[in-house]
PDB file of N, CA and C in Angstrom:
ATOM      1  N   MET A   1     103.555  -6.061  81.322  1.00  0.00           N
ATOM      2  CA  MET A   1     102.720  -7.246  81.267  1.00  0.00           C
ATOM      3  C   MET A   1     103.506  -8.447  81.794  1.00  0.00           C
ATOM      4  N   PRO A   2     103.009  -9.110  82.843  1.00  0.00           N
ATOM      5  CA  PRO A   2     103.760 -10.234  83.407  1.00  0.00           C
ATOM      6  C   PRO A   2     103.717 -11.455  82.506  1.00  0.00           C
ATOM      7  N   ASP A   3     104.700 -12.345  82.659  1.00  0.00           N
ATOM      8  CA  ASP A   3     104.693 -13.595  81.889  1.00  0.00           C
ATOM      9  C   ASP A   3     104.102 -14.729  82.706  1.00  0.00           C
ATOM     10  N   GLN A   4     103.750 -14.447  83.954  1.00  0.00           N
ATOM     11  CA  GLN A   4     103.034 -15.414  84.789  1.00  0.00           C
ATOM     12  C   GLN A   4     102.070 -14.616  85.656  1.00  0.00           C
ATOM     13  N   ILE A   5     101.147 -15.309  86.288  1.00  0.00           N
ATOM     14  CA  ILE A   5     100.208 -14.573  87.115  1.00  0.00           C
ATOM     15  C   ILE A   5     100.883 -14.118  88.406  1.00  0.00           C
ATOM     16  N   VAL A   6     100.348 -13.028  88.941  1.00  0.00           N
ATOM     17  CA  VAL A   6     100.920 -12.425  90.145  1.00  0.00           C
ATOM     18  C   VAL A   6      99.783 -12.206  91.140  1.00  0.00           C
ATOM     19  N   LEU A   7      99.952 -12.724  92.338  1.00  0.00           N
ATOM     20  CA  LEU A   7      99.013 -12.475  93.417  1.00  0.00           C
ATOM     21  C   LEU A   7      99.620 -11.414  94.317  1.00  0.00           C
ATOM     22  N   THR A   8      98.910 -10.310  94.511  1.00  0.00           N
ATOM     23  CA  THR A   8      99.413  -9.209  95.327  1.00  0.00           C
ATOM     24  C   THR A   8      98.541  -9.045  96.562  1.00  0.00           C
ATOM     25  N   TYR A   9      99.199  -9.061  97.724  1.00  0.00           N
ATOM     26  CA  TYR A   9      98.495  -8.844  98.989  1.00  0.00           C
ATOM     27  C   TYR A   9      99.513  -8.500 100.063  1.00  0.00           C
ATOM     28  N   TRP A  10      99.003  -8.049 101.186  1.00  0.00           N
ATOM     29  CA  TRP A  10      99.852  -7.724 102.320  1.00  0.00           C
ATOM     30  C   TRP A  10     100.558  -8.961 102.862  1.00  0.00           C
ATOM     31  N   ALA A  11     101.531  -8.754 103.703  1.00  0.00           N
ATOM     32  CA  ALA A  11     102.310  -9.853 104.301  1.00  0.00           C
ATOM     33  C   ALA A  11     101.574 -10.430 105.510  1.00  0.00           C
ATOM     34  N   ILE A  12     100.289 -10.725 105.306  1.00  0.00           N
ATOM     35  CA  ILE A  12      99.480 -11.359 106.350  1.00  0.00           C
ATOM     36  C   ILE A  12      98.682 -12.472 105.693  1.00  0.00           C
ATOM     37  N   LYS A  13      98.176 -13.387 106.473  1.00  0.00           N
ATOM     38  CA  LYS A  13      97.400 -14.499 105.908  1.00  0.00           C
ATOM     39  C   LYS A  13      96.061 -13.983 105.387  1.00  0.00           C
ATOM     40  N   SER A  14      95.159 -13.634 106.208  1.00  0.00           N
ATOM     41  CA  SER A  14      93.885 -12.997 105.937  1.00  0.00           C
ATOM     42  C   SER A  14      93.265 -13.322 104.572  1.00  0.00           C
ATOM     43  N   LEU A  15      92.796 -12.315 103.859  1.00  0.00           N
ATOM     44  CA  LEU A  15      92.016 -12.508 102.638  1.00  0.00           C
ATOM     45  C   LEU A  15      92.813 -13.038 101.447  1.00  0.00           C
ATOM     46  N   GLY A  16      94.111 -12.918 101.464  1.00  0.00           N
ATOM     47  CA  GLY A  16      94.933 -13.435 100.366  1.00  0.00           C
ATOM     48  C   GLY A  16      95.264 -14.911 100.499  1.00  0.00           C
ATOM     49  N   ALA A  17      95.138 -15.459 101.702  1.00  0.00           N
ATOM     50  CA  ALA A  17      95.549 -16.845 101.954  1.00  0.00           C
ATOM     51  C   ALA A  17      94.782 -17.879 101.131  1.00  0.00           C
ATOM     52  N   PRO A  18      93.458 -17.794 101.011  1.00  0.00           N
ATOM     53  CA  PRO A  18      92.768 -18.800 100.206  1.00  0.00           C
ATOM     54  C   PRO A  18      93.232 -18.836  98.744  1.00  0.00           C
ATOM     55  N   ALA A  19      93.498 -17.673  98.170  1.00  0.00           N
ATOM     56  CA  ALA A  19      93.974 -17.638  96.785  1.00  0.00           C
ATOM     57  C   ALA A  19      95.365 -18.265  96.679  1.00  0.00           C
ATOM     58  N   ARG A  20      96.235 -17.942  97.632  1.00  0.00           N
ATOM     59  CA  ARG A  20      97.573 -18.555  97.637  1.00  0.00           C
ATOM     60  C   ARG A  20      97.464 -20.078  97.725  1.00  0.00           C
ATOM     61  N   MET A  21      96.610 -20.548  98.646  1.00  0.00           N
ATOM     62  CA  MET A  21      96.445 -21.999  98.825  1.00  0.00           C
ATOM     63  C   MET A  21      95.871 -22.643  97.571  1.00  0.00           C
ATOM     64  N   ALA A  22      94.893 -22.008  96.946  1.00  0.00           N
ATOM     65  CA  ALA A  22      94.280 -22.572  95.736  1.00  0.00           C
ATOM     66  C   ALA A  22      95.293 -22.654  94.600  1.00  0.00           C
ATOM     67  N   LEU A  23      96.116 -21.633  94.437  1.00  0.00           N
ATOM     68  CA  LEU A  23      97.138 -21.662  93.389  1.00  0.00           C
ATOM     69  C   LEU A  23      98.151 -22.777  93.651  1.00  0.00           C
ATOM     70  N   HIS A  24      98.579 -22.916  94.895  1.00  0.00           N
ATOM     71  CA  HIS A  24      99.504 -24.003  95.227  1.00  0.00           C
ATOM     72  C   HIS A  24      98.850 -25.362  95.001  1.00  0.00           C
ATOM     73  N   TYR A  25      97.607 -25.518  95.445  1.00  0.00           N
ATOM     74  CA  TYR A  25      96.882 -26.783  95.292  1.00  0.00           C
ATOM     75  C   TYR A  25      96.761 -27.164  93.820  1.00  0.00           C
ATOM     76  N   ALA A  26      96.496 -26.180  92.970  1.00  0.00           N
ATOM     77  CA  ALA A  26      96.333 -26.435  91.539  1.00  0.00           C
ATOM     78  C   ALA A  26      97.677 -26.607  90.828  1.00  0.00           C
ATOM     79  N   GLY A  27      98.784 -26.353  91.535  1.00  0.00           N
ATOM     80  CA  GLY A  27     100.106 -26.478  90.917  1.00  0.00           C
ATOM     81  C   GLY A  27     100.414 -25.376  89.923  1.00  0.00           C
ATOM     82  N   VAL A  28      99.831 -24.216  90.152  1.00  0.00           N
ATOM     83  CA  VAL A  28      99.995 -23.092  89.237  1.00  0.00           C
ATOM     84  C   VAL A  28     101.206 -22.262  89.658  1.00  0.00           C
ATOM     85  N   PRO A  29     102.174 -22.098  88.766  1.00  0.00           N
ATOM     86  CA  PRO A  29     103.296 -21.206  89.109  1.00  0.00           C
ATOM     87  C   PRO A  29     102.806 -19.759  89.135  1.00  0.00           C
ATOM     88  N   PHE A  30     103.170 -19.033  90.174  1.00  0.00           N
ATOM     89  CA  PHE A  30     102.761 -17.639  90.281  1.00  0.00           C
ATOM     90  C   PHE A  30     103.786 -16.881  91.101  1.00  0.00           C
ATOM     91  N   LYS A  31     103.796 -15.585  90.902  1.00  0.00           N
ATOM     92  CA  LYS A  31     104.640 -14.717  91.715  1.00  0.00           C
ATOM     93  C   LYS A  31     103.790 -14.237  92.880  1.00  0.00           C
ATOM     94  N   ASP A  32     104.289 -14.416  94.077  1.00  0.00           N
ATOM     95  CA  ASP A  32     103.608 -13.960  95.275  1.00  0.00           C
ATOM     96  C   ASP A  32     104.167 -12.586  95.625  1.00  0.00           C
ATOM     97  N   ASP A  33     103.463 -11.550  95.204  1.00  0.00           N
ATOM     98  CA  ASP A  33     103.902 -10.173  95.418  1.00  0.00           C
ATOM     99  C   ASP A  33     103.408  -9.724  96.793  1.00  0.00           C
ATOM    100  N   VAL A  34     104.246  -9.894  97.782  1.00  0.00           N
ATOM    101  CA  VAL A  34     103.887  -9.593  99.167  1.00  0.00           C
ATOM    102  C   VAL A  34     104.246  -8.141  99.467  1.00  0.00           C
ATOM    103  N   LEU A  35     103.237  -7.377  99.859  1.00  0.00           N
ATOM    104  CA  LEU A  35     103.457  -5.982 100.215  1.00  0.00           C
ATOM    105  C   LEU A  35     103.867  -5.916 101.685  1.00  0.00           C
ATOM    106  N   LEU A  36     105.071  -5.462 101.931  1.00  0.00           N
ATOM    107  CA  LEU A  36     105.598  -5.413 103.294  1.00  0.00           C
ATOM    108  C   LEU A  36     105.220  -4.135 104.022  1.00  0.00           C
ATOM    109  N   ASP A  37     104.922  -3.091 103.278  1.00  0.00           N
ATOM    110  CA  ASP A  37     104.475  -1.849 103.902  1.00  0.00           C
ATOM    111  C   ASP A  37     103.558  -1.124 102.937  1.00  0.00           C
ATOM    112  N   GLN A  38     102.898  -0.100 103.430  1.00  0.00           N
ATOM    113  CA  GLN A  38     101.918   0.595 102.603  1.00  0.00           C
ATOM    114  C   GLN A  38     102.516   1.501 101.532  1.00  0.00           C
ATOM    115  N   ASP A  39     103.792   1.798 101.630  1.00  0.00           N
ATOM    116  CA  ASP A  39     104.390   2.727 100.672  1.00  0.00           C
ATOM    117  C   ASP A  39     104.242   2.265  99.230  1.00  0.00           C
ATOM    118  N   LYS A  40     104.532   0.984  98.963  1.00  0.00           N
ATOM    119  CA  LYS A  40     104.432   0.486  97.583  1.00  0.00           C
ATOM    120  C   LYS A  40     102.993   0.576  97.085  1.00  0.00           C
ATOM    121  N   TRP A  41     102.036   0.162  97.925  1.00  0.00           N
ATOM    122  CA  TRP A  41     100.644   0.146  97.497  1.00  0.00           C
ATOM    123  C   TRP A  41     100.107   1.558  97.280  1.00  0.00           C
ATOM    124  N   PHE A  42     100.340   2.444  98.218  1.00  0.00           N
ATOM    125  CA  PHE A  42      99.754   3.776  98.128  1.00  0.00           C
ATOM    126  C   PHE A  42     100.565   4.737  97.269  1.00  0.00           C
ATOM    127  N   SER A  43     101.649   4.249  96.699  1.00  0.00           N
ATOM    128  CA  SER A  43     102.380   5.103  95.757  1.00  0.00           C
ATOM    129  C   SER A  43     101.946   4.710  94.344  1.00  0.00           C
ATOM    130  N   ALA A  44     102.828   4.310  93.520  1.00  0.00           N
ATOM    131  CA  ALA A  44     102.538   4.069  92.109  1.00  0.00           C
ATOM    132  C   ALA A  44     101.724   2.807  91.850  1.00  0.00           C
ATOM    133  N   HIS A  45     101.855   1.769  92.674  1.00  0.00           N
ATOM    134  CA  HIS A  45     101.234   0.479  92.374  1.00  0.00           C
ATOM    135  C   HIS A  45      99.709   0.558  92.289  1.00  0.00           C
ATOM    136  N   LYS A  46      99.078   1.244  93.223  1.00  0.00           N
ATOM    137  CA  LYS A  46      97.619   1.351  93.226  1.00  0.00           C
ATOM    138  C   LYS A  46      97.122   2.061  91.967  1.00  0.00           C
ATOM    139  N   ASP A  47      97.779   3.130  91.573  1.00  0.00           N
ATOM    140  CA  ASP A  47      97.393   3.847  90.352  1.00  0.00           C
ATOM    141  C   ASP A  47      97.609   2.984  89.114  1.00  0.00           C
ATOM    142  N   GLU A  48      98.661   2.183  89.124  1.00  0.00           N
ATOM    143  CA  GLU A  48      98.950   1.273  88.013  1.00  0.00           C
ATOM    144  C   GLU A  48      97.816   0.250  87.854  1.00  0.00           C
ATOM    145  N   VAL A  49      97.366  -0.315  88.948  1.00  0.00           N
ATOM    146  CA  VAL A  49      96.269  -1.286  88.913  1.00  0.00           C
ATOM    147  C   VAL A  49      94.982  -0.606  88.468  1.00  0.00           C
ATOM    148  N   ARG A  50      94.739   0.600  88.953  1.00  0.00           N
ATOM    149  CA  ARG A  50      93.523   1.347  88.612  1.00  0.00           C
ATOM    150  C   ARG A  50      93.396   1.545  87.100  1.00  0.00           C
ATOM    151  N   ARG A  51      94.501   1.675  86.392  1.00  0.00           N
ATOM    152  CA  ARG A  51      94.449   1.847  84.938  1.00  0.00           C
ATOM    153  C   ARG A  51      93.900   0.596  84.249  1.00  0.00           C
ATOM    154  N   THR A  52      94.082  -0.558  84.860  1.00  0.00           N
ATOM    155  CA  THR A  52      93.598  -1.815  84.296  1.00  0.00           C
ATOM    156  C   THR A  52      92.220  -2.172  84.831  1.00  0.00           C
ATOM    157  N   ASN A  53      91.980  -1.901  86.117  1.00  0.00           N
ATOM    158  CA  ASN A  53      90.713  -2.240  86.737  1.00  0.00           C
ATOM    159  C   ASN A  53      90.321  -1.122  87.702  1.00  0.00           C
ATOM    160  N   PRO A  54      89.284  -0.352  87.373  1.00  0.00           N
ATOM    161  CA  PRO A  54      88.907   0.778  88.231  1.00  0.00           C
ATOM    162  C   PRO A  54      88.389   0.362  89.611  1.00  0.00           C
ATOM    163  N   LEU A  55      88.136  -0.917  89.819  1.00  0.00           N
ATOM    164  CA  LEU A  55      87.692  -1.417  91.124  1.00  0.00           C
ATOM    165  C   LEU A  55      88.871  -1.779  92.017  1.00  0.00           C
ATOM    166  N   VAL A  56      90.016  -1.219  91.733  1.00  0.00           N
ATOM    167  CA  VAL A  56      91.287  -1.508  92.393  1.00  0.00           C
ATOM    168  C   VAL A  56      91.115  -1.832  93.880  1.00  0.00           C
ATOM    169  N   ASN A  57      91.703  -2.972  94.276  1.00  0.00           N
ATOM    170  CA  ASN A  57      91.638  -3.401  95.662  1.00  0.00           C
ATOM    171  C   ASN A  57      92.648  -4.517  95.888  1.00  0.00           C
ATOM    172  N   LEU A  58      92.805  -4.879  97.135  1.00  0.00           N
ATOM    173  CA  LEU A  58      93.663  -6.002  97.514  1.00  0.00           C
ATOM    174  C   LEU A  58      92.817  -7.056  98.205  1.00  0.00           C
ATOM    175  N   PRO A  59      93.127  -8.318  98.016  1.00  0.00           N
ATOM    176  CA  PRO A  59      94.140  -8.846  97.109  1.00  0.00           C
ATOM    177  C   PRO A  59      93.698  -8.693  95.656  1.00  0.00           C
ATOM    178  N   HIS A  60      94.672  -8.765  94.776  1.00  0.00           N
ATOM    179  CA  HIS A  60      94.343  -8.820  93.358  1.00  0.00           C
ATOM    180  C   HIS A  60      95.284  -9.778  92.638  1.00  0.00           C
ATOM    181  N   LEU A  61      94.768 -10.282  91.534  1.00  0.00           N
ATOM    182  CA  LEU A  61      95.494 -11.248  90.721  1.00  0.00           C
ATOM    183  C   LEU A  61      95.733 -10.613  89.366  1.00  0.00           C
ATOM    184  N   THR A  62      97.000 -10.467  88.997  1.00  0.00           N
ATOM    185  CA  THR A  62      97.342  -9.958  87.667  1.00  0.00           C
ATOM    186  C   THR A  62      97.600 -11.166  86.785  1.00  0.00           C
ATOM    187  N   LEU A  63      96.781 -11.308  85.750  1.00  0.00           N
ATOM    188  CA  LEU A  63      96.875 -12.456  84.863  1.00  0.00           C
ATOM    189  C   LEU A  63      98.030 -12.289  83.888  1.00  0.00           C
ATOM    190  N   ASP A  64      98.393 -13.376  83.233  1.00  0.00           N
ATOM    191  CA  ASP A  64      99.552 -13.307  82.335  1.00  0.00           C
ATOM    192  C   ASP A  64      99.311 -12.398  81.132  1.00  0.00           C
ATOM    193  N   ASP A  65      98.041 -12.047  80.853  1.00  0.00           N
ATOM    194  CA  ASP A  65      97.763 -11.113  79.760  1.00  0.00           C
ATOM    195  C   ASP A  65      97.675  -9.667  80.242  1.00  0.00           C
ATOM    196  N   GLY A  66      97.928  -9.432  81.548  1.00  0.00           N
ATOM    197  CA  GLY A  66      97.911  -8.087  82.103  1.00  0.00           C
ATOM    198  C   GLY A  66      96.582  -7.694  82.727  1.00  0.00           C
ATOM    199  N   GLU A  67      95.529  -8.471  82.499  1.00  0.00           N
ATOM    200  CA  GLU A  67      94.228  -8.196  83.114  1.00  0.00           C
ATOM    201  C   GLU A  67      94.351  -8.369  84.626  1.00  0.00           C
ATOM    202  N   VAL A  68      93.598  -7.568  85.394  1.00  0.00           N
ATOM    203  CA  VAL A  68      93.665  -7.631  86.848  1.00  0.00           C
ATOM    204  C   VAL A  68      92.287  -7.988  87.411  1.00  0.00           C
ATOM    205  N   VAL A  69      92.251  -9.030  88.241  1.00  0.00           N
ATOM    206  CA  VAL A  69      91.042  -9.442  88.938  1.00  0.00           C
ATOM    207  C   VAL A  69      91.200  -9.009  90.390  1.00  0.00           C
ATOM    208  N   VAL A  70      90.231  -8.253  90.912  1.00  0.00           N
ATOM    209  CA  VAL A  70      90.292  -7.757  92.289  1.00  0.00           C
ATOM    210  C   VAL A  70      89.195  -8.391  93.128  1.00  0.00           C
ATOM    211  N   GLN A  71      89.308  -8.229  94.444  1.00  0.00           N
ATOM    212  CA  GLN A  71      88.382  -8.743  95.446  1.00  0.00           C
ATOM    213  C   GLN A  71      88.678 -10.217  95.724  1.00  0.00           C
ATOM    214  N   SER A  72      88.826 -10.536  96.981  1.00  0.00           N
ATOM    215  CA  SER A  72      89.285 -11.870  97.381  1.00  0.00           C
ATOM    216  C   SER A  72      88.414 -13.003  96.849  1.00  0.00           C
ATOM    217  N   ASP A  73      87.101 -12.877  96.932  1.00  0.00           N
ATOM    218  CA  ASP A  73      86.246 -13.967  96.467  1.00  0.00           C
ATOM    219  C   ASP A  73      86.223 -14.063  94.944  1.00  0.00           C
ATOM    220  N   ALA A  74      86.282 -12.943  94.250  1.00  0.00           N
ATOM    221  CA  ALA A  74      86.344 -12.975  92.789  1.00  0.00           C
ATOM    222  C   ALA A  74      87.652 -13.612  92.331  1.00  0.00           C
ATOM    223  N   VAL A  75      88.743 -13.301  93.020  1.00  0.00           N
ATOM    224  CA  VAL A  75      90.041 -13.912  92.706  1.00  0.00           C
ATOM    225  C   VAL A  75      89.972 -15.421  92.911  1.00  0.00           C
ATOM    226  N   LEU A  76      89.417 -15.836  94.033  1.00  0.00           N
ATOM    227  CA  LEU A  76      89.320 -17.264  94.341  1.00  0.00           C
ATOM    228  C   LEU A  76      88.433 -17.993  93.335  1.00  0.00           C
ATOM    229  N   ARG A  77      87.303 -17.393  92.981  1.00  0.00           N
ATOM    230  CA  ARG A  77      86.422 -18.016  91.985  1.00  0.00           C
ATOM    231  C   ARG A  77      87.092 -18.078  90.616  1.00  0.00           C
ATOM    232  N   HIS A  78      87.847 -17.043  90.268  1.00  0.00           N
ATOM    233  CA  HIS A  78      88.565 -17.066  88.987  1.00  0.00           C
ATOM    234  C   HIS A  78      89.557 -18.223  88.952  1.00  0.00           C
ATOM    235  N   ILE A  79      90.313 -18.372  90.023  1.00  0.00           N
ATOM    236  CA  ILE A  79      91.286 -19.468  90.100  1.00  0.00           C
ATOM    237  C   ILE A  79      90.566 -20.810  89.991  1.00  0.00           C
ATOM    238  N   ALA A  80      89.466 -20.957  90.713  1.00  0.00           N
ATOM    239  CA  ALA A  80      88.712 -22.220  90.692  1.00  0.00           C
ATOM    240  C   ALA A  80      88.185 -22.532  89.293  1.00  0.00           C
ATOM    241  N   ARG A  81      87.612 -21.538  88.616  1.00  0.00           N
ATOM    242  CA  ARG A  81      87.093 -21.761  87.249  1.00  0.00           C
ATOM    243  C   ARG A  81      88.216 -22.086  86.275  1.00  0.00           C
ATOM    244  N   THR A  82      89.295 -21.348  86.365  1.00  0.00           N
ATOM    245  CA  THR A  82      90.387 -21.488  85.406  1.00  0.00           C
ATOM    246  C   THR A  82      91.118 -22.813  85.549  1.00  0.00           C
ATOM    247  N   TYR A  83      91.241 -23.303  86.766  1.00  0.00           N
ATOM    248  CA  TYR A  83      92.059 -24.495  87.001  1.00  0.00           C
ATOM    249  C   TYR A  83      91.241 -25.712  87.438  1.00  0.00           C
ATOM    250  N   GLY A  84      89.977 -25.756  87.042  1.00  0.00           N
ATOM    251  CA  GLY A  84      89.157 -26.953  87.192  1.00  0.00           C
ATOM    252  C   GLY A  84      88.750 -27.311  88.606  1.00  0.00           C
ATOM    253  N   MET A  85      88.572 -26.308  89.466  1.00  0.00           N
ATOM    254  CA  MET A  85      88.182 -26.585  90.848  1.00  0.00           C
ATOM    255  C   MET A  85      86.808 -26.000  91.181  1.00  0.00           C
ATOM    256  N   TYR A  86      86.012 -25.693  90.179  1.00  0.00           N
ATOM    257  CA  TYR A  86      84.731 -25.012  90.411  1.00  0.00           C
ATOM    258  C   TYR A  86      83.544 -25.941  90.256  1.00  0.00           C
ATOM    259  N   GLY A  87      83.814 -27.202  90.003  1.00  0.00           N
ATOM    260  CA  GLY A  87      82.728 -28.149  89.809  1.00  0.00           C
ATOM    261  C   GLY A  87      82.403 -28.308  88.331  1.00  0.00           C
ATOM    262  N   GLN A  88      81.674 -29.364  88.044  1.00  0.00           N
ATOM    263  CA  GLN A  88      81.256 -29.624  86.663  1.00  0.00           C
ATOM    264  C   GLN A  88      79.748 -29.587  86.612  1.00  0.00           C
ATOM    265  N   GLY A  89      79.218 -28.746  85.789  1.00  0.00           N
ATOM    266  CA  GLY A  89      77.776 -28.609  85.670  1.00  0.00           C
ATOM    267  C   GLY A  89      77.236 -27.574  86.643  1.00  0.00           C
ATOM    268  N   GLU A  90      76.041 -27.112  86.323  1.00  0.00           N
ATOM    269  CA  GLU A  90      75.429 -26.038  87.101  1.00  0.00           C
ATOM    270  C   GLU A  90      75.174 -26.418  88.562  1.00  0.00           C
ATOM    271  N   ALA A  91      74.761 -27.652  88.824  1.00  0.00           N
ATOM    272  CA  ALA A  91      74.456 -28.053  90.202  1.00  0.00           C
ATOM    273  C   ALA A  91      75.710 -28.019  91.075  1.00  0.00           C
ATOM    274  N   GLU A  92      76.827 -28.548  90.572  1.00  0.00           N
ATOM    275  CA  GLU A  92      78.070 -28.523  91.345  1.00  0.00           C
ATOM    276  C   GLU A  92      78.568 -27.098  91.537  1.00  0.00           C
ATOM    277  N   MET A  93      78.481 -26.295  90.488  1.00  0.00           N
ATOM    278  CA  MET A  93      78.936 -24.905  90.605  1.00  0.00           C
ATOM    279  C   MET A  93      78.075 -24.140  91.609  1.00  0.00           C
ATOM    280  N   ALA A  94      76.772 -24.430  91.651  1.00  0.00           N
ATOM    281  CA  ALA A  94      75.892 -23.785  92.630  1.00  0.00           C
ATOM    282  C   ALA A  94      76.288 -24.187  94.046  1.00  0.00           C
ATOM    283  N   ARG A  95      76.685 -25.451  94.244  1.00  0.00           N
ATOM    284  CA  ARG A  95      77.126 -25.889  95.572  1.00  0.00           C
ATOM    285  C   ARG A  95      78.417 -25.172  95.971  1.00  0.00           C
ATOM    286  N   VAL A  96      79.327 -25.014  95.023  1.00  0.00           N
ATOM    287  CA  VAL A  96      80.568 -24.283  95.311  1.00  0.00           C
ATOM    288  C   VAL A  96      80.234 -22.843  95.708  1.00  0.00           C
ATOM    289  N   ASP A  97      79.351 -22.188  94.964  1.00  0.00           N
ATOM    290  CA  ASP A  97      78.957 -20.815  95.299  1.00  0.00           C
ATOM    291  C   ASP A  97      78.347 -20.732  96.692  1.00  0.00           C
ATOM    292  N   GLN A  98      77.506 -21.715  97.035  1.00  0.00           N
ATOM    293  CA  GLN A  98      76.877 -21.710  98.354  1.00  0.00           C
ATOM    294  C   GLN A  98      77.911 -21.841  99.467  1.00  0.00           C
ATOM    295  N   VAL A  99      78.857 -22.742  99.294  1.00  0.00           N
ATOM    296  CA  VAL A  99      79.904 -22.912 100.306  1.00  0.00           C
ATOM    297  C   VAL A  99      80.723 -21.632 100.420  1.00  0.00           C
ATOM    298  N   MET A 100      81.073 -21.037  99.277  1.00  0.00           N
ATOM    299  CA  MET A 100      81.830 -19.780  99.303  1.00  0.00           C
ATOM    300  C   MET A 100      81.070 -18.708 100.080  1.00  0.00           C
ATOM    301  N   ASP A 101      79.768 -18.612  99.862  1.00  0.00           N
ATOM    302  CA  ASP A 101      78.989 -17.578 100.522  1.00  0.00           C
ATOM    303  C   ASP A 101      78.809 -17.855 102.013  1.00  0.00           C
ATOM    304  N   VAL A 102      78.731 -19.120 102.405  1.00  0.00           N
ATOM    305  CA  VAL A 102      78.670 -19.455 103.827  1.00  0.00           C
ATOM    306  C   VAL A 102      79.975 -19.048 104.506  1.00  0.00           C
ATOM    307  N   VAL A 103      81.096 -19.293 103.845  1.00  0.00           N
ATOM    308  CA  VAL A 103      82.387 -18.885 104.405  1.00  0.00           C
ATOM    309  C   VAL A 103      82.436 -17.369 104.586  1.00  0.00           C
ATOM    310  N   VAL A 104      81.918 -16.627 103.623  1.00  0.00           N
ATOM    311  CA  VAL A 104      81.870 -15.168 103.753  1.00  0.00           C
ATOM    312  C   VAL A 104      81.020 -14.780 104.962  1.00  0.00           C
ATOM    313  N   ASP A 105      79.863 -15.420 105.130  1.00  0.00           N
ATOM    314  CA  ASP A 105      79.002 -15.123 106.275  1.00  0.00           C
ATOM    315  C   ASP A 105      79.723 -15.388 107.594  1.00  0.00           C
ATOM    316  N   VAL A 106      80.404 -16.518 107.686  1.00  0.00           N
ATOM    317  CA  VAL A 106      81.123 -16.865 108.917  1.00  0.00           C
ATOM    318  C   VAL A 106      82.245 -15.868 109.160  1.00  0.00           C
ATOM    319  N   ARG A 107      82.974 -15.539 108.103  1.00  0.00           N
ATOM    320  CA  ARG A 107      84.078 -14.583 108.231  1.00  0.00           C
ATOM    321  C   ARG A 107      83.565 -13.230 108.715  1.00  0.00           C
ATOM    322  N   GLN A 108      82.442 -12.785 108.177  1.00  0.00           N
ATOM    323  CA  GLN A 108      81.898 -11.482 108.574  1.00  0.00           C
ATOM    324  C   GLN A 108      81.370 -11.500 110.010  1.00  0.00           C
ATOM    325  N   ALA A 109      80.913 -12.659 110.451  1.00  0.00           N
ATOM    326  CA  ALA A 109      80.391 -12.769 111.816  1.00  0.00           C
ATOM    327  C   ALA A 109      81.509 -12.656 112.850  1.00  0.00           C
ATOM    328  N   TYR A 110      82.720 -13.011 112.436  1.00  0.00           N
ATOM    329  CA  TYR A 110      83.847 -12.968 113.363  1.00  0.00           C
ATOM    330  C   TYR A 110      84.841 -11.929 112.970  1.00  0.00           C
TER     331      TYR A 110
END
């Protein structure tokens, strides 16, 4: 069980970058667990994550209580909710969700 949160992703910007940026923006100390090759992920690490979250995927965020949040947008939304960046009230949160979904649409188009 970690004593701080851990963001795990490949050594590329891609889907892990928004979570890294959000954690830095919020001033949250975290361990950036950068996977340099597939050996670590496809050996014991993936099975270890699967024991906590059967939806195992990258990027994932291991919380300080050992819980694991997977999927890039779920990780980003978790960070936003936890550290006060998700808006206040239902209307603001709906706007945040809409912007997040537009970004997903644009990303998928390219």
